[in-house]
Amino acid sequence: VDEICEIFRELGFSRVAGPEAETPDYNFQKLNFPLNHPAADMHDTFYLGEGALLRTHTSPVQARVMERVQPPVRVVVPGVVYRRD
């Protein structure tokens, strides 16, 4: 992972990390997944309680970056994700 991130760094990308516990808003809705999408089903996502889940992909981190950084945005987001499959 470090080697791949270094290659991306040389291409002008920044390595970014984010929370593994996410909100449904960042994990689904800000990425245009409605909450009734099959990916948000209880059997596909690990919910921690009301308003919290384990992220199913690293795209929520990208959404957080896009809220803070003016384009162009060049990030690589390696990290752990949690899927039942």
C-alpha atoms as a PDB file:
ATOM      1  CA  VAL A   1       0.000   0.000   0.000  1.00  0.00           C
ATOM      2  CA  ASP A   2       2.814   2.400   0.872  1.00  0.00           C
ATOM      3  CA  GLU A   3       4.525   1.724  -2.462  1.00  0.00           C
ATOM      4  CA  ILE A   4       1.340   2.373  -4.426  1.00  0.00           C
ATOM      5  CA  CYS A   5       0.643   5.552  -2.447  1.00  0.00           C
ATOM      6  CA  GLU A   6       4.195   6.739  -3.156  1.00  0.00           C
ATOM      7  CA  ILE A   7       3.626   6.256  -6.890  1.00  0.00           C
ATOM      8  CA  PHE A   8       0.439   8.316  -6.651  1.00  0.00           C
ATOM      9  CA  ARG A   9       2.261  10.963  -4.584  1.00  0.00           C
ATOM     10  CA  GLU A  10       4.798  11.330  -7.391  1.00  0.00           C
ATOM     11  CA  LEU A  11       1.832  11.941  -9.722  1.00  0.00           C
ATOM     12  CA  GLY A  12       0.565  14.779  -7.525  1.00  0.00           C
ATOM     13  CA  PHE A  13      -1.914  12.891  -5.324  1.00  0.00           C
ATOM     14  CA  SER A  14      -2.195  13.207  -1.562  1.00  0.00           C
ATOM     15  CA  ARG A  15      -2.777  10.240   0.711  1.00  0.00           C
ATOM     16  CA  VAL A  16      -5.851  10.825   2.868  1.00  0.00           C
ATOM     17  CA  ALA A  17      -7.348   8.837   5.732  1.00  0.00           C
ATOM     18  CA  GLY A  18     -10.757   9.099   7.314  1.00  0.00           C
ATOM     19  CA  PRO A  19     -12.982   7.530   9.924  1.00  0.00           C
ATOM     20  CA  GLU A  20     -13.890   3.857   9.684  1.00  0.00           C
ATOM     21  CA  ALA A  21     -17.115   4.554  11.608  1.00  0.00           C
ATOM     22  CA  GLU A  22     -19.275   6.684   9.344  1.00  0.00           C
ATOM     23  CA  THR A  23     -22.684   8.250   9.164  1.00  0.00           C
ATOM     24  CA  PRO A  24     -25.249   7.020   6.641  1.00  0.00           C
ATOM     25  CA  ASP A  25     -25.160  10.533   5.197  1.00  0.00           C
ATOM     26  CA  TYR A  26     -21.507  10.260   4.137  1.00  0.00           C
ATOM     27  CA  ASN A  27     -21.529   6.535   3.376  1.00  0.00           C
ATOM     28  CA  PHE A  28     -24.629   6.668   1.174  1.00  0.00           C
ATOM     29  CA  GLN A  29     -26.534   9.918   0.646  1.00  0.00           C
ATOM     30  CA  LYS A  30     -23.640  12.267  -0.203  1.00  0.00           C
ATOM     31  CA  LEU A  31     -22.636   9.674  -2.819  1.00  0.00           C
ATOM     32  CA  ASN A  32     -26.137   9.615  -4.355  1.00  0.00           C
ATOM     33  CA  PHE A  33     -27.146   6.310  -2.774  1.00  0.00           C
ATOM     34  CA  PRO A  34     -30.653   6.709  -1.338  1.00  0.00           C
ATOM     35  CA  LEU A  35     -31.129   5.057   2.054  1.00  0.00           C
ATOM     36  CA  ASN A  36     -33.508   2.551   0.440  1.00  0.00           C
ATOM     37  CA  HIS A  37     -30.722   1.350  -1.899  1.00  0.00           C
ATOM     38  CA  PRO A  38     -29.890  -2.379  -1.463  1.00  0.00           C
ATOM     39  CA  ALA A  39     -26.328  -1.485  -0.381  1.00  0.00           C
ATOM     40  CA  ALA A  40     -27.811   0.122   2.750  1.00  0.00           C
ATOM     41  CA  ASP A  41     -29.694  -3.032   3.756  1.00  0.00           C
ATOM     42  CA  MET A  42     -28.983  -4.496   7.175  1.00  0.00           C
ATOM     43  CA  HIS A  43     -27.573  -7.665   5.617  1.00  0.00           C
ATOM     44  CA  ASP A  44     -24.974  -5.705   3.594  1.00  0.00           C
ATOM     45  CA  THR A  45     -23.832  -3.065   6.076  1.00  0.00           C
ATOM     46  CA  PHE A  46     -22.591  -3.285   9.663  1.00  0.00           C
ATOM     47  CA  TYR A  47     -24.669  -0.769  11.621  1.00  0.00           C
ATOM     48  CA  LEU A  48     -23.274   0.312  14.986  1.00  0.00           C
ATOM     49  CA  GLY A  49     -26.435   1.966  16.210  1.00  0.00           C
ATOM     50  CA  GLU A  50     -28.549   4.949  15.330  1.00  0.00           C
ATOM     51  CA  GLY A  51     -26.629   7.169  12.936  1.00  0.00           C
ATOM     52  CA  ALA A  52     -23.423   5.120  12.763  1.00  0.00           C
ATOM     53  CA  LEU A  53     -22.067   2.297  10.628  1.00  0.00           C
ATOM     54  CA  LEU A  54     -18.770   0.816   9.514  1.00  0.00           C
ATOM     55  CA  ARG A  55     -17.872   2.294   6.136  1.00  0.00           C
ATOM     56  CA  THR A  56     -18.511   0.019   3.167  1.00  0.00           C
ATOM     57  CA  HIS A  57     -16.029   1.815   0.882  1.00  0.00           C
ATOM     58  CA  THR A  58     -13.532   4.658   1.145  1.00  0.00           C
ATOM     59  CA  SER A  59     -15.605   7.082  -0.935  1.00  0.00           C
ATOM     60  CA  PRO A  60     -16.985   8.839   2.175  1.00  0.00           C
ATOM     61  CA  VAL A  61     -13.453  10.120   2.768  1.00  0.00           C
ATOM     62  CA  GLN A  62     -13.435  11.543  -0.739  1.00  0.00           C
ATOM     63  CA  ALA A  63     -16.745  13.298  -0.037  1.00  0.00           C
ATOM     64  CA  ARG A  64     -15.242  14.825   3.108  1.00  0.00           C
ATOM     65  CA  VAL A  65     -12.194  16.025   1.148  1.00  0.00           C
ATOM     66  CA  MET A  66     -14.365  17.587  -1.569  1.00  0.00           C
ATOM     67  CA  GLU A  67     -16.202  19.598   1.087  1.00  0.00           C
ATOM     68  CA  ARG A  68     -12.905  21.095   2.315  1.00  0.00           C
ATOM     69  CA  VAL A  69     -10.654  21.375  -0.747  1.00  0.00           C
ATOM     70  CA  GLN A  70     -11.100  23.458  -3.866  1.00  0.00           C
ATOM     71  CA  PRO A  71     -10.748  21.572  -7.170  1.00  0.00           C
ATOM     72  CA  PRO A  72      -8.751  20.057  -8.598  1.00  0.00           C
ATOM     73  CA  VAL A  73      -8.816  17.262  -6.038  1.00  0.00           C
ATOM     74  CA  ARG A  74      -6.195  14.544  -6.309  1.00  0.00           C
ATOM     75  CA  VAL A  75      -6.354  12.049  -3.473  1.00  0.00           C
ATOM     76  CA  VAL A  76      -5.741   8.378  -2.931  1.00  0.00           C
ATOM     77  CA  VAL A  77      -7.676   6.846  -0.053  1.00  0.00           C
ATOM     78  CA  PRO A  78      -6.409   3.441   0.990  1.00  0.00           C
ATOM     79  CA  GLY A  79      -8.069   1.907   3.985  1.00  0.00           C
ATOM     80  CA  VAL A  80     -10.134  -0.758   5.625  1.00  0.00           C
ATOM     81  CA  VAL A  81     -13.748  -1.224   4.604  1.00  0.00           C
ATOM     82  CA  TYR A  82     -16.405  -3.477   6.095  1.00  0.00           C
ATOM     83  CA  ARG A  83     -18.676  -5.584   3.920  1.00  0.00           C
ATOM     84  CA  ARG A  84     -20.465  -8.790   4.739  1.00  0.00           C
ATOM     85  CA  ASP A  85     -19.532 -10.261   1.377  1.00  0.00           C
END
